[in-house]
């Protein structure tokens, strides 16, 4: 069974930094797109950052130039470095991966989420 496990969430003052990490475990061949979404109460989950297998990254406009997504295929990990955090960044952050599990088997996987709270 493929699982995604996030870590690194917490409480940080406005202007501070956090680094989130997501490790994929289980049996699979490779991950295609990997990244991060976030969700606050009453809102739908929104894309924060996505990085492809070729390390091409896309960001939400609200986080571009502040956040950096990276991946390490050797450890099957995707990280999100968050700098200059703002109170509006407060959310539950979810790891996402599009994974090639086996022959003709590909699926979307989600972590359980990690809370990020930015105080003002």
C-alpha atoms as a PDB file:
ATOM      1  CA  UNK A   1       0.000   0.000   0.000  1.00  0.00           C
ATOM      2  CA  UNK A   2       1.323   3.429  -0.947  1.00  0.00           C
ATOM      3  CA  UNK A   3       1.278   6.007   1.817  1.00  0.00           C
ATOM      4  CA  UNK A   4       2.298   9.646   2.040  1.00  0.00           C
ATOM      5  CA  UNK A   5       3.416  10.970   5.406  1.00  0.00           C
ATOM      6  CA  UNK A   6       3.852  14.697   6.041  1.00  0.00           C
ATOM      7  CA  UNK A   7       5.952  16.296   8.734  1.00  0.00           C
ATOM      8  CA  UNK A   8       7.225  19.726   9.686  1.00  0.00           C
ATOM      9  CA  UNK A   9       4.045  21.607  10.439  1.00  0.00           C
ATOM     10  CA  UNK A  10       3.732  23.865  13.429  1.00  0.00           C
ATOM     11  CA  UNK A  11       3.210  27.391  14.689  1.00  0.00           C
ATOM     12  CA  UNK A  12       5.418  30.180  13.433  1.00  0.00           C
ATOM     13  CA  UNK A  13       5.333  33.992  13.689  1.00  0.00           C
ATOM     14  CA  UNK A  14       4.531  36.048  10.638  1.00  0.00           C
ATOM     15  CA  UNK A  15       7.659  36.470   8.570  1.00  0.00           C
ATOM     16  CA  UNK A  16       9.078  33.184   9.759  1.00  0.00           C
ATOM     17  CA  UNK A  17       9.838  29.978   7.927  1.00  0.00           C
ATOM     18  CA  UNK A  18       8.868  26.337   7.985  1.00  0.00           C
ATOM     19  CA  UNK A  19       9.931  23.358   5.955  1.00  0.00           C
ATOM     20  CA  UNK A  20       7.426  20.625   5.248  1.00  0.00           C
ATOM     21  CA  UNK A  21       8.479  17.178   4.177  1.00  0.00           C
ATOM     22  CA  UNK A  22       6.496  14.337   2.670  1.00  0.00           C
ATOM     23  CA  UNK A  23       7.823  10.822   2.298  1.00  0.00           C
ATOM     24  CA  UNK A  24       6.187   8.245   0.071  1.00  0.00           C
ATOM     25  CA  UNK A  25       6.387   4.676   1.266  1.00  0.00           C
ATOM     26  CA  UNK A  26       5.215   1.329  -0.001  1.00  0.00           C
ATOM     27  CA  UNK A  27       5.761  -0.520  -3.235  1.00  0.00           C
ATOM     28  CA  UNK A  28       5.629   1.516  -6.414  1.00  0.00           C
ATOM     29  CA  UNK A  29       7.726   2.164  -9.483  1.00  0.00           C
ATOM     30  CA  UNK A  30       7.925   5.942  -9.497  1.00  0.00           C
ATOM     31  CA  UNK A  31       6.127   9.164  -8.771  1.00  0.00           C
ATOM     32  CA  UNK A  32       5.138  11.594 -11.484  1.00  0.00           C
ATOM     33  CA  UNK A  33       3.861  14.945 -10.233  1.00  0.00           C
ATOM     34  CA  UNK A  34       4.277  15.524  -6.513  1.00  0.00           C
ATOM     35  CA  UNK A  35       3.410  18.534  -4.444  1.00  0.00           C
ATOM     36  CA  UNK A  36       1.363  20.313  -1.864  1.00  0.00           C
ATOM     37  CA  UNK A  37      -2.177  21.524  -1.455  1.00  0.00           C
ATOM     38  CA  UNK A  38      -3.724  23.368   1.453  1.00  0.00           C
ATOM     39  CA  UNK A  39      -7.172  23.785   2.898  1.00  0.00           C
ATOM     40  CA  UNK A  40      -8.809  26.093   5.414  1.00  0.00           C
ATOM     41  CA  UNK A  41     -12.213  25.782   7.012  1.00  0.00           C
ATOM     42  CA  UNK A  42     -14.994  26.547   4.577  1.00  0.00           C
ATOM     43  CA  UNK A  43     -12.766  26.522   1.517  1.00  0.00           C
ATOM     44  CA  UNK A  44     -11.898  23.922  -1.051  1.00  0.00           C
ATOM     45  CA  UNK A  45      -8.454  22.453  -1.213  1.00  0.00           C
ATOM     46  CA  UNK A  46      -6.160  24.601  -3.332  1.00  0.00           C
ATOM     47  CA  UNK A  47      -2.897  23.948  -5.082  1.00  0.00           C
ATOM     48  CA  UNK A  48       0.173  25.397  -3.414  1.00  0.00           C
ATOM     49  CA  UNK A  49       3.008  23.899  -5.430  1.00  0.00           C
ATOM     50  CA  UNK A  50       3.559  21.023  -7.829  1.00  0.00           C
ATOM     51  CA  UNK A  51       6.813  19.582  -9.114  1.00  0.00           C
ATOM     52  CA  UNK A  52       7.048  17.180 -12.015  1.00  0.00           C
ATOM     53  CA  UNK A  53       9.331  14.202 -12.436  1.00  0.00           C
ATOM     54  CA  UNK A  54      11.609  16.460 -14.467  1.00  0.00           C
ATOM     55  CA  UNK A  55      11.657  18.971 -11.572  1.00  0.00           C
ATOM     56  CA  UNK A  56       9.537  21.561 -13.325  1.00  0.00           C
ATOM     57  CA  UNK A  57       7.660  23.437 -10.608  1.00  0.00           C
ATOM     58  CA  UNK A  58       4.439  25.449 -10.579  1.00  0.00           C
ATOM     59  CA  UNK A  59       3.172  27.610  -7.750  1.00  0.00           C
ATOM     60  CA  UNK A  60       0.057  29.376  -6.693  1.00  0.00           C
ATOM     61  CA  UNK A  61       0.387  33.096  -7.296  1.00  0.00           C
ATOM     62  CA  UNK A  62      -0.025  33.755  -3.587  1.00  0.00           C
ATOM     63  CA  UNK A  63       3.097  31.779  -2.669  1.00  0.00           C
ATOM     64  CA  UNK A  64       5.335  32.279  -5.675  1.00  0.00           C
ATOM     65  CA  UNK A  65       8.718  33.766  -4.676  1.00  0.00           C
ATOM     66  CA  UNK A  66       8.121  32.784  -1.054  1.00  0.00           C
ATOM     67  CA  UNK A  67       7.773  29.000  -1.237  1.00  0.00           C
ATOM     68  CA  UNK A  68      10.025  26.485  -2.933  1.00  0.00           C
ATOM     69  CA  UNK A  69       9.073  22.909  -3.719  1.00  0.00           C
ATOM     70  CA  UNK A  70      11.719  20.258  -4.269  1.00  0.00           C
ATOM     71  CA  UNK A  71      11.898  16.504  -4.633  1.00  0.00           C
ATOM     72  CA  UNK A  72      14.375  13.749  -4.004  1.00  0.00           C
ATOM     73  CA  UNK A  73      13.529  10.624  -5.953  1.00  0.00           C
ATOM     74  CA  UNK A  74      16.177   8.600  -4.139  1.00  0.00           C
ATOM     75  CA  UNK A  75      14.298   9.048  -0.880  1.00  0.00           C
ATOM     76  CA  UNK A  76      10.914   9.464  -2.560  1.00  0.00           C
ATOM     77  CA  UNK A  77      10.408  12.731  -0.776  1.00  0.00           C
ATOM     78  CA  UNK A  78       8.892  16.068  -1.691  1.00  0.00           C
ATOM     79  CA  UNK A  79       9.592  19.125   0.454  1.00  0.00           C
ATOM     80  CA  UNK A  80       8.106  22.579   0.701  1.00  0.00           C
ATOM     81  CA  UNK A  81      10.281  25.378   2.009  1.00  0.00           C
ATOM     82  CA  UNK A  82       8.032  28.192   3.180  1.00  0.00           C
ATOM     83  CA  UNK A  83       9.561  31.599   3.818  1.00  0.00           C
ATOM     84  CA  UNK A  84       8.091  34.979   4.691  1.00  0.00           C
ATOM     85  CA  UNK A  85       5.013  33.299   6.061  1.00  0.00           C
ATOM     86  CA  UNK A  86       1.812  35.269   6.420  1.00  0.00           C
ATOM     87  CA  UNK A  87      -1.263  34.653   8.577  1.00  0.00           C
ATOM     88  CA  UNK A  88      -3.232  33.837   5.435  1.00  0.00           C
ATOM     89  CA  UNK A  89      -0.893  30.892   4.870  1.00  0.00           C
ATOM     90  CA  UNK A  90      -2.492  29.224   7.879  1.00  0.00           C
ATOM     91  CA  UNK A  91      -4.048  25.977   6.701  1.00  0.00           C
ATOM     92  CA  UNK A  92      -3.784  22.244   6.726  1.00  0.00           C
ATOM     93  CA  UNK A  93      -1.192  21.295   4.156  1.00  0.00           C
ATOM     94  CA  UNK A  94      -1.636  18.049   2.253  1.00  0.00           C
ATOM     95  CA  UNK A  95       0.995  16.167   0.345  1.00  0.00           C
ATOM     96  CA  UNK A  96      -0.028  14.914  -3.091  1.00  0.00           C
ATOM     97  CA  UNK A  97       1.534  12.448  -5.485  1.00  0.00           C
ATOM     98  CA  UNK A  98       0.603  10.977  -8.842  1.00  0.00           C
ATOM     99  CA  UNK A  99       2.170   7.537  -8.590  1.00  0.00           C
ATOM    100  CA  UNK A 100       2.882   4.792 -11.086  1.00  0.00           C
ATOM    101  CA  UNK A 101       2.231   1.853  -8.804  1.00  0.00           C
ATOM    102  CA  UNK A 102       2.674  -1.028 -11.220  1.00  0.00           C
ATOM    103  CA  UNK A 103       2.068  -1.980 -14.835  1.00  0.00           C
ATOM    104  CA  UNK A 104      -1.003  -0.115 -16.073  1.00  0.00           C
ATOM    105  CA  UNK A 105      -1.706   1.044 -12.537  1.00  0.00           C
ATOM    106  CA  UNK A 106      -1.454   4.716 -11.696  1.00  0.00           C
ATOM    107  CA  UNK A 107      -3.216   6.698  -9.029  1.00  0.00           C
ATOM    108  CA  UNK A 108      -3.458   9.868  -6.988  1.00  0.00           C
ATOM    109  CA  UNK A 109      -2.406   9.714  -3.353  1.00  0.00           C
ATOM    110  CA  UNK A 110      -2.835  12.119  -0.477  1.00  0.00           C
ATOM    111  CA  UNK A 111      -1.265  12.526   2.906  1.00  0.00           C
ATOM    112  CA  UNK A 112      -3.348  13.055   6.019  1.00  0.00           C
ATOM    113  CA  UNK A 113      -2.303  16.673   6.335  1.00  0.00           C
ATOM    114  CA  UNK A 114      -0.154  18.737   8.649  1.00  0.00           C
ATOM    115  CA  UNK A 115      -1.266  21.943  10.333  1.00  0.00           C
ATOM    116  CA  UNK A 116       0.578  25.177   9.649  1.00  0.00           C
ATOM    117  CA  UNK A 117      -0.384  28.150  11.784  1.00  0.00           C
ATOM    118  CA  UNK A 118       1.106  31.583  11.221  1.00  0.00           C
ATOM    119  CA  UNK A 119       0.538  34.044  14.034  1.00  0.00           C
ATOM    120  CA  UNK A 120       0.372  37.791  13.562  1.00  0.00           C
END
